[in-house]
């Protein structure tokens, strides 16, 4: 037996022992999977009372526009910030919850605050960002992003011929 067979020499940045160990490959694969999984996760905001708030968002495409609907219960219009940077729509805001309770023998006041942010990637070559509009009513934010004329789908019926 040669001495180099006993020593875990480094070759290509990885020792021979690491390559031959049965759990090394498994560990490398698990690390890669966790990195991929957590890479695109948006961690939700935590309000002061431990509750998490991440607004629900729906994206719908029509023939002439993209429509983004976000549920923002308990948030005031002035606490919402909308931005469009290149091809990413970002909805930011702050949720403030105050609860006051007065009874004969006690007084209780609870406050919790937290901010949130949702970023929605959109196809840049499809949306006319200059004509984007937003409405907010009863905790529902609706953002309408008109499509560029060249991105609007024109459909036509295709006749079927007998073979």
Foldseek 3Di string as FASTA:
>chain_A
DDPVVVDQDDDPNGTPCLVPDPCNVVVVVVVVVVCVVPVPDDDFKAKPVRDTDDWDWDWDDDLWWIKIKTFAAQFDPVQWDWDQDQFKIKIKGKHKDWDWDDDDPDTDIDIIMIMGMDIDGHDNQFFDVVPWDWDDDNRMIMIITTTDPVNRDDDDDDDDDDD
